[in-house]
Structures are given as structure tokens and as C-alpha cells.
Amino acid sequence: MRRTVRLRLTALYGGLFLLAGVVLVALIHFLVRYSPFPAPPAAPAPFGGLAVAVPAPRAAQADTLSRLLVNSLIALAVMACAAMALGWLVAGRVLRPLGEMAATVRRITADRLDRRLAASGPDDELKGLADTFDELLDRLEAAFTAQRRFVANASHEMRTPLTLQRAMAEVALADPDADAAALRGVLERVVAAGKHQERLIEALLVLARSQQGLTQREPLDLAVIAEQALDEHPGIGVSRDLGPAPASGDRALIERLVTNLLDNAVRYNVPGGRIEVTTATRAGRSALRIANSGPVITPDQVHLLVQPFQRLEGGKKASGDGLGLGLSIVAAIVEAHHGTMEARPLPGGGLGVTVVLEQG
């Protein structure tokens, strides 16, 4: 027989009642037999005009105690059976919501994450458990949806340059009069498409690594990393205010974070625009802020910026020089370091991104 929770609860209820009943019967038997209170005086019997007290025989007392014990045990056995039956019914009623939850959970699969327990009734532990499970399903559904969207977008982005390369090669091979210059031009375009693929694959690997969390931490300074990144972009005009900003984390990922923010600030700027880079310490935490001029961004477009393969132009898919993964990688790196990231559109156009990390 399967030892279900209902059976164990029933056995527990019945066992506790039986134990309490045995203790009660033993206590009654002890008190009756060894009562600390004196027995009432016997009724006087008339004998020659004189009242003579006749004591009760000991045999009659023992028989009374024996019958009391037997009757108490019989009553205890009957009540124990009744307690077991009631315990079985009560346990079934209490555990019925768990059975309904289990049946609903069995119907939930990776393709049907839209089902919810939606428990009703009093706000007790069972409803709290169901609500917690529903919140877990919400997070799982969002994660599965984001994963499917990411895989579909990544597949599309990988397939586009491959199709282009194949088409260029087939056109070149189909032309019997193609000379060395024409073939060289086709090869240059194939190499350019290959470089785009390499950048995309590298960005995807960095994104995957960031989402896995950190394996090591080391002391670093956001000001030093920002200074090094700016030195690698000598052709841009930047207003910098680099105060000490000590932190700890994966140096390679932090360097990629700063580089991505600078690349976005340059790529999505306007001719003659500005870029501001600031590092500082705020309330015991280190902050990096990179702001740039650029096209006007509405507040409802900000959430699209951290989604993979999205660009500023109305949320269209990435194309051209940009991969659409820059801010997605930044957000993943910040999350891996347990920091915060805030992106705000600037009034005159452009974007300001602030990253805050724990100090080292």
C-alpha cells in the first residue's frame, strides 16, 4: 500500500488520539483506585435501633474498577476508530487542493507554459505555495519566450550573410567570362561577409558567457578601463570626467562593457555630436556614465534597446554595421556583476547609460 500523505496524516491523527486516550484511561483508573480524597461515609444500617456502618467489600470495589477499565477501553477503541475515519476525511479535504495542483502541473510542458494553478480560497500556506509556483511559471515562460526569440533572430542573422556569400560565389562561378578583377571583387565581398559573421559569433559568445555568471573576480577601476577604451578611439571628440571608481569583477567583461557603450555612442551619434564619459563613486558604489547626442528616443522605446538584435530605428532588426547586441551584452554583463543599469533618453536627442557596480 502506498504511504501517501493522507494516510500518514490519518495515522498521525489516530495515533495521537489513541495515545491521549490511553493516558486518560490510565489516569482515571489510577485516581479511582488511589483517590487522594476520602470516600463518602457508608449509609447506616438499622440494627437493634443502633446505626452500624457496614464497609463495602474489597471484592466489590475491585469488580467495579475492573468493569470501569474494560468499559473505558471499549469506549476508547470505538473513539479511536471514529478518530481515524474523521482524520481520513479531514486529511482528504485539506490535501484536495494539492491533488488539483499536481494534476495541473502534470499538464504543464515546455510548449504549454501558459497554464497556471490560480488557486482560490483562503490566503493560507497552500495558496501561498500555488502563487509562488505561478510566479515561477511566469519567469519560466518569459525565459523560454526570450530564448526562442533569440534563437530565431540569431539564426536569421547568421543565415543572411551565408546566403549572400553563396549567392556571390554562384554568380561568379556561373560567369565564364569573369576575369581576375571580378573574382577578386567577389572574394573581397565574401571576406567582408565573413568578418561580419565573426563579429556576430564573438558577440553571441560574450553574451552567453555573461549570462552564465562570473567564475572569477579581481580588483579593477572603471576610470582606468574607460581611459584605455578612449585611447583606442582617438578620432572621436569626448568630454571626459574620470574620477576613481574602484570595483571588482571580470576585467575582460568590464572592458567589453565599456567598449560596447562607446561603440554605440559613436555609431548612433550625429555629425558633430558629443560624447560624455564620467566615472565616479556614489554612495559607496562605483558608477560609469556614457551619454551621447543622437536621434530623439521616446521613453517607450528604451526597453527595446536591451533586446537582442534591436536597433534605435523604431526597434527594427539589426542590419548594416551594427549587430543589435551591444546593449544586450552590456545588460548581461551588469547582471552577472549584480549591478544596475539605467538607460534614459536625453531631451535633445541621444541616450545616457549609467552602470553602477559594487566596489572592490
Protein backbone atom coordinates (compact mmCIF):
# COMPACT_ATOMS: atom_id res chain seq x y z
CA MET A 1 0.00 0.00 0.00
CA ARG A 2 1.36 3.40 -0.95
CA ARG A 3 2.21 5.57 2.04
CA THR A 4 0.54 8.75 0.89
CA VAL A 5 0.49 12.00 2.85
CA ARG A 6 -3.19 11.46 3.53
CA LEU A 7 -2.51 8.02 5.01
CA ARG A 8 0.34 9.33 7.13
CA LEU A 9 -1.78 12.20 8.43
CA THR A 10 -4.60 9.80 9.24
CA ALA A 11 -2.21 7.50 11.13
CA LEU A 12 -0.80 10.51 12.95
CA TYR A 13 -4.25 11.77 13.98
CA GLY A 14 -5.36 8.32 15.10
CA GLY A 15 -2.11 7.57 16.93
CA LEU A 16 -2.18 10.85 18.83
CA PHE A 17 -5.82 10.34 19.80
CA LEU A 18 -5.13 6.76 20.90
CA LEU A 19 -2.13 7.81 22.96
CA ALA A 20 -4.12 10.60 24.62
CA GLY A 21 -6.99 8.19 25.31
CA VAL A 22 -4.69 5.59 26.88
CA VAL A 23 -3.20 8.23 29.15
CA LEU A 24 -6.70 9.43 30.07
CA VAL A 25 -7.94 5.90 30.88
CA ALA A 26 -4.84 5.15 32.95
CA LEU A 27 -5.24 8.42 34.85
CA ILE A 28 -8.92 7.76 35.58
CA HIS A 29 -8.13 4.22 36.74
CA PHE A 30 -5.35 5.48 38.99
CA LEU A 31 -7.49 8.24 40.51
CA VAL A 32 -10.41 5.91 41.14
CA ARG A 33 -8.23 3.26 42.75
CA TYR A 34 -5.89 5.52 44.66
CA SER A 35 -8.08 8.54 45.16
CA PRO A 36 -6.48 11.16 47.42
CA PHE A 37 -9.94 12.21 48.57
CA PRO A 38 -11.68 10.24 51.36
CA ALA A 39 -14.61 8.04 50.33
CA PRO A 40 -18.07 9.17 51.48
CA PRO A 41 -19.32 7.50 54.67
CA ALA A 42 -21.37 4.34 54.20
CA ALA A 43 -25.12 4.51 54.76
CA PRO A 44 -26.10 3.49 58.30
CA ALA A 45 -27.98 0.19 58.58
CA PRO A 46 -30.61 -0.19 61.34
CA PHE A 47 -29.56 -2.93 63.82
CA GLY A 48 -31.35 -3.07 67.10
CA GLY A 49 -32.09 0.58 67.00
CA LEU A 50 -28.43 1.37 66.53
CA ALA A 51 -26.82 2.73 63.35
CA VAL A 52 -23.91 0.45 62.31
CA ALA A 53 -21.63 1.37 59.37
CA VAL A 54 -21.14 -1.60 57.06
CA PRO A 55 -17.98 -1.22 54.93
CA ALA A 56 -18.15 -2.16 51.24
CA PRO A 57 -16.38 -5.44 50.45
CA ARG A 58 -12.99 -5.17 48.71
CA ALA A 59 -14.13 -7.69 46.10
CA ALA A 60 -16.97 -5.38 45.06
CA GLN A 61 -14.54 -2.45 44.72
CA ALA A 62 -12.14 -4.50 42.59
CA ASP A 63 -15.00 -5.66 40.38
CA THR A 64 -16.17 -2.07 39.92
CA LEU A 65 -12.67 -0.97 38.95
CA SER A 66 -12.32 -3.83 36.52
CA ARG A 67 -15.63 -3.08 34.82
CA LEU A 68 -14.71 0.62 34.66
CA LEU A 69 -11.39 -0.21 32.98
CA VAL A 70 -12.95 -2.59 30.44
CA ASN A 71 -15.70 -0.16 29.55
CA SER A 72 -13.19 2.67 29.20
CA LEU A 73 -11.03 0.59 26.86
CA ILE A 74 -14.05 -0.36 24.74
CA ALA A 75 -15.08 3.29 24.51
CA LEU A 76 -11.50 4.20 23.66
CA ALA A 77 -11.38 1.65 20.82
CA VAL A 78 -14.66 2.95 19.39
CA MET A 79 -13.48 6.55 19.58
CA ALA A 80 -10.12 5.62 18.06
CA CYS A 81 -11.89 4.14 15.01
CA ALA A 82 -14.06 7.23 14.77
CA ALA A 83 -10.99 9.46 15.06
CA MET A 84 -9.27 7.51 12.25
CA ALA A 85 -12.29 7.88 9.99
CA LEU A 86 -12.64 11.57 10.72
CA GLY A 87 -8.89 12.05 10.28
CA TRP A 88 -9.07 10.36 6.88
CA LEU A 89 -11.90 12.66 5.78
CA VAL A 90 -10.26 15.81 7.16
CA ALA A 91 -6.87 14.95 5.62
CA GLY A 92 -8.52 14.35 2.26
CA ARG A 93 -10.30 17.69 2.41
CA VAL A 94 -7.12 19.53 3.43
CA LEU A 95 -4.98 17.85 0.76
CA ARG A 96 -7.53 18.13 -2.06
CA PRO A 97 -6.01 21.42 -3.35
CA LEU A 98 -2.62 19.70 -3.54
CA GLY A 99 -4.12 16.99 -5.71
CA GLU A 100 -5.62 19.58 -8.04
CA MET A 101 -2.25 21.39 -8.21
CA ALA A 102 -0.45 18.15 -9.04
CA ALA A 103 -2.93 17.40 -11.85
CA THR A 104 -2.41 20.88 -13.30
CA VAL A 105 1.37 20.61 -13.06
CA ARG A 106 1.30 17.31 -14.97
CA ARG A 107 -0.38 19.10 -17.88
CA ILE A 108 2.30 21.81 -17.99
CA THR A 109 5.00 21.22 -20.60
CA ALA A 110 7.64 23.34 -22.29
CA ASP A 111 5.10 24.06 -25.05
CA ARG A 112 2.23 24.80 -22.66
CA LEU A 113 3.68 27.15 -20.07
CA ASP A 114 0.58 29.33 -20.19
CA ARG A 115 -1.28 27.16 -17.65
CA ARG A 116 -1.46 28.42 -14.08
CA LEU A 117 -2.63 26.91 -10.81
CA ALA A 118 -4.72 30.01 -10.00
CA ALA A 119 -5.55 28.72 -6.52
CA SER A 120 -8.59 30.20 -4.80
CA GLY A 121 -9.74 30.09 -1.22
CA PRO A 122 -8.27 31.48 1.99
CA ASP A 123 -4.84 33.06 1.99
CA ASP A 124 -3.10 30.15 3.68
CA GLU A 125 0.11 28.17 3.12
CA LEU A 126 -1.35 26.17 0.20
CA LYS A 127 -2.44 29.31 -1.65
CA GLY A 128 0.96 30.84 -0.97
CA LEU A 129 2.61 27.76 -2.47
CA ALA A 130 0.38 27.94 -5.55
CA ASP A 131 1.03 31.66 -6.03
CA THR A 132 4.79 31.10 -5.72
CA PHE A 133 4.62 28.34 -8.33
CA ASP A 134 2.62 30.59 -10.66
CA GLU A 135 5.29 33.29 -10.32
CA LEU A 136 7.92 30.68 -11.17
CA LEU A 137 5.94 29.70 -14.26
CA ASP A 138 5.73 33.37 -15.29
CA ARG A 139 9.51 33.65 -15.13
CA LEU A 140 10.00 30.35 -16.98
CA GLU A 141 7.56 31.36 -19.72
CA ALA A 142 9.32 34.69 -20.16
CA ALA A 143 12.71 32.95 -20.27
CA PHE A 144 11.53 30.34 -22.81
CA THR A 145 9.92 33.03 -24.97
CA ALA A 146 13.08 35.15 -24.89
CA GLN A 147 15.20 32.11 -25.71
CA ARG A 148 13.04 31.15 -28.69
CA ARG A 149 13.08 34.72 -29.97
CA PHE A 150 16.83 34.93 -29.51
CA VAL A 151 17.46 31.66 -31.34
CA ALA A 152 15.19 32.72 -34.20
CA ASN A 153 16.87 36.11 -34.51
CA ALA A 154 20.36 34.63 -34.27
CA SER A 155 19.51 32.05 -36.92
CA HIS A 156 18.22 34.79 -39.20
CA GLU A 157 21.30 36.96 -38.65
CA MET A 158 23.61 34.00 -39.34
CA ARG A 159 21.70 32.87 -42.40
CA THR A 160 21.70 36.28 -44.12
CA PRO A 161 25.48 36.57 -44.68
CA LEU A 162 25.73 32.88 -45.55
CA THR A 163 23.06 33.30 -48.23
CA LEU A 164 24.85 36.37 -49.52
CA GLN A 165 28.18 34.57 -49.70
CA ARG A 166 26.67 31.63 -51.51
CA ALA A 167 24.88 33.87 -53.99
CA MET A 168 28.06 35.82 -54.77
CA ALA A 169 30.06 32.63 -55.26
CA GLU A 170 27.40 31.10 -57.51
CA VAL A 171 27.19 34.24 -59.65
CA ALA A 172 30.97 34.33 -60.03
CA LEU A 173 31.14 30.64 -60.95
CA ALA A 174 28.28 30.98 -63.45
CA ASP A 175 30.09 33.71 -65.37
CA PRO A 176 32.54 32.03 -67.77
CA ASP A 177 34.00 35.40 -68.78
CA ALA A 178 34.79 36.53 -65.24
CA ASP A 179 38.34 37.89 -65.09
CA ALA A 180 40.70 38.09 -62.14
CA ALA A 181 39.50 41.55 -61.11
CA ALA A 182 35.87 40.45 -60.98
CA LEU A 183 36.74 37.35 -58.98
CA ARG A 184 38.89 39.42 -56.66
CA GLY A 185 35.99 41.75 -56.04
CA VAL A 186 33.72 38.81 -55.21
CA LEU A 187 36.30 37.40 -52.81
CA GLU A 188 36.62 40.76 -51.05
CA ARG A 189 32.87 40.85 -50.52
CA VAL A 190 32.92 37.26 -49.25
CA VAL A 191 35.69 38.17 -46.80
CA ALA A 192 33.70 41.18 -45.59
CA ALA A 193 30.65 38.99 -45.01
CA GLY A 194 32.85 36.52 -43.16
CA LYS A 195 34.15 39.26 -40.87
CA HIS A 196 30.58 40.24 -40.09
CA GLN A 197 29.86 36.64 -39.15
CA GLU A 198 32.93 36.52 -36.92
CA ARG A 199 31.81 39.64 -35.10
CA LEU A 200 28.34 38.21 -34.66
CA ILE A 201 29.63 34.88 -33.34
CA GLU A 202 32.02 36.63 -30.97
CA ALA A 203 29.21 38.83 -29.67
CA LEU A 204 26.97 35.79 -29.14
CA LEU A 205 29.75 34.01 -27.23
CA VAL A 206 30.28 37.06 -25.00
CA LEU A 207 26.54 37.28 -24.36
CA ALA A 208 26.35 33.58 -23.46
CA ARG A 209 29.38 33.89 -21.19
CA SER A 210 27.89 36.90 -19.43
CA GLN A 211 24.60 35.12 -18.82
CA GLN A 212 26.40 32.18 -17.17
CA GLY A 213 27.69 34.39 -14.36
CA LEU A 214 31.19 35.11 -13.10
CA THR A 215 33.81 32.46 -12.45
CA GLN A 216 36.41 34.85 -11.05
CA ARG A 217 36.70 38.39 -9.71
CA GLU A 218 39.61 40.78 -9.50
CA PRO A 219 40.00 44.40 -8.37
CA LEU A 220 39.69 46.97 -11.14
CA ASP A 221 38.99 50.64 -11.71
CA LEU A 222 36.28 51.79 -14.11
CA ALA A 223 38.20 55.04 -14.70
CA VAL A 224 41.32 53.20 -15.87
CA ILE A 225 39.32 50.89 -18.17
CA ALA A 226 37.37 53.83 -19.61
CA GLU A 227 40.65 55.73 -20.22
CA GLN A 228 42.11 52.74 -22.07
CA ALA A 229 38.97 52.36 -24.18
CA LEU A 230 39.03 56.06 -25.10
CA ASP A 231 42.66 55.78 -26.16
CA GLU A 232 41.57 53.15 -28.69
CA HIS A 233 39.09 55.66 -30.21
CA PRO A 234 41.41 58.61 -30.93
CA GLY A 235 39.24 60.01 -33.70
CA ILE A 236 36.23 60.92 -31.59
CA GLY A 237 35.68 64.01 -29.52
CA VAL A 238 34.83 63.11 -25.95
CA SER A 239 34.18 65.14 -22.84
CA ARG A 240 35.60 63.07 -20.01
CA ASP A 241 35.45 63.34 -16.23
CA LEU A 242 37.13 60.20 -14.94
CA GLY A 243 37.16 60.07 -11.17
CA PRO A 244 38.31 56.99 -9.24
CA ALA A 245 35.72 54.22 -9.40
CA PRO A 246 37.11 51.02 -7.84
CA ALA A 247 35.14 47.83 -8.40
CA SER A 248 35.63 44.08 -8.68
CA GLY A 249 34.69 41.66 -11.40
CA ASP A 250 35.79 40.05 -14.62
CA ARG A 251 38.15 42.52 -16.30
CA ALA A 252 37.58 41.16 -19.81
CA LEU A 253 33.81 41.51 -19.47
CA ILE A 254 34.04 45.02 -17.98
CA GLU A 255 36.32 46.06 -20.83
CA ARG A 256 33.76 44.70 -23.29
CA LEU A 257 31.02 46.61 -21.46
CA VAL A 258 32.84 49.94 -21.79
CA THR A 259 33.80 49.24 -25.42
CA ASN A 260 30.22 48.42 -26.37
CA LEU A 261 28.90 51.59 -24.76
CA LEU A 262 31.48 53.69 -26.57
CA ASP A 263 30.83 51.94 -29.90
CA ASN A 264 27.09 52.58 -29.55
CA ALA A 265 27.74 56.21 -28.61
CA VAL A 266 29.81 56.65 -31.77
CA ARG A 267 27.64 54.61 -34.15
CA TYR A 268 24.31 56.17 -33.20
CA ASN A 269 25.56 59.74 -32.96
CA VAL A 270 25.01 62.67 -35.32
CA PRO A 271 27.66 64.58 -37.31
CA GLY A 272 29.45 66.95 -34.98
CA GLY A 273 27.75 65.37 -31.96
CA ARG A 274 29.09 64.97 -28.46
CA ILE A 275 30.01 62.08 -26.15
CA GLU A 276 30.36 62.42 -22.38
CA VAL A 277 32.14 59.81 -20.27
CA THR A 278 32.02 60.05 -16.47
CA THR A 279 33.21 57.74 -13.71
CA ALA A 280 32.69 58.43 -10.01
CA THR A 281 31.85 56.91 -6.65
CA ARG A 282 28.28 57.28 -5.43
CA ALA A 283 27.07 56.14 -2.03
CA GLY A 284 29.80 53.54 -1.72
CA ARG A 285 29.30 52.19 -5.26
CA SER A 286 31.19 52.84 -8.50
CA ALA A 287 29.36 54.39 -11.44
CA LEU A 288 30.10 54.76 -15.13
CA ARG A 289 28.01 57.05 -17.34
CA ILE A 290 28.32 57.40 -21.10
CA ALA A 291 25.98 59.86 -22.83
CA ASN A 292 25.85 60.81 -26.48
CA SER A 293 23.87 63.05 -28.77
CA GLY A 294 21.83 61.42 -31.48
CA PRO A 295 18.32 60.89 -32.76
CA VAL A 296 15.41 61.53 -30.43
CA ILE A 297 14.33 58.43 -28.50
CA THR A 298 10.90 58.20 -26.92
CA PRO A 299 10.59 56.70 -23.42
CA ASP A 300 8.58 53.72 -24.71
CA GLN A 301 11.49 52.75 -26.99
CA VAL A 302 14.06 52.45 -24.21
CA HIS A 303 13.12 48.88 -23.30
CA LEU A 304 13.81 47.80 -26.89
CA LEU A 305 17.44 48.85 -26.63
CA VAL A 306 18.49 45.93 -24.42
CA GLN A 307 16.73 43.30 -26.52
CA PRO A 308 18.96 41.26 -28.82
CA PHE A 309 19.09 42.25 -32.50
CA GLN A 310 17.25 45.53 -31.97
CA ARG A 311 18.35 48.97 -33.11
CA LEU A 312 17.25 52.50 -32.39
CA GLU A 313 15.40 52.98 -35.67
CA GLY A 314 11.96 52.20 -34.38
CA GLY A 315 13.08 48.86 -32.97
CA LYS A 316 13.89 47.32 -36.35
CA LYS A 317 16.14 44.33 -36.59
CA ALA A 318 19.82 44.99 -36.73
CA SER A 319 21.36 45.46 -40.08
CA GLY A 320 24.33 47.10 -41.70
CA ASP A 321 27.34 47.76 -39.49
CA GLY A 322 25.57 47.23 -36.16
CA LEU A 323 24.78 43.80 -34.77
CA GLY A 324 21.99 44.85 -32.42
CA LEU A 325 23.71 43.09 -29.50
CA GLY A 326 25.69 45.94 -27.92
CA LEU A 327 23.35 46.91 -25.09
CA SER A 328 22.12 43.34 -24.68
CA ILE A 329 25.69 42.32 -23.85
CA VAL A 330 26.08 45.33 -21.54
CA ALA A 331 22.90 44.40 -19.66
CA ALA A 332 24.02 40.76 -19.31
CA ILE A 333 27.45 41.80 -18.01
CA VAL A 334 25.89 44.18 -15.47
CA GLU A 335 23.52 41.46 -14.28
CA ALA A 336 26.41 38.99 -13.95
CA HIS A 337 28.18 41.51 -11.68
CA HIS A 338 24.99 42.10 -9.65
CA GLY A 339 24.99 45.75 -10.66
CA THR A 340 22.37 48.06 -12.07
CA MET A 341 21.99 49.65 -15.49
CA GLU A 342 19.81 52.62 -16.35
CA ALA A 343 19.24 53.95 -19.88
CA ARG A 344 17.49 57.30 -20.28
CA PRO A 345 16.75 59.26 -23.45
CA LEU A 346 18.16 62.77 -23.41
CA PRO A 347 15.85 65.76 -24.04
CA GLY A 348 17.69 66.99 -27.10
CA GLY A 349 18.17 63.54 -28.57
CA GLY A 350 20.60 60.74 -27.80
CA LEU A 351 20.94 58.38 -24.90
CA GLY A 352 22.56 58.33 -21.48
CA VAL A 353 23.52 54.95 -19.99
CA THR A 354 24.58 54.67 -16.34
CA VAL A 355 26.13 51.48 -14.95
CA VAL A 356 26.60 51.07 -11.18
CA LEU A 357 28.73 48.27 -9.72
CA GLU A 358 29.73 47.21 -6.22
CA GLN A 359 33.11 48.46 -5.11
CA GLY A 360 36.00 46.02 -4.87
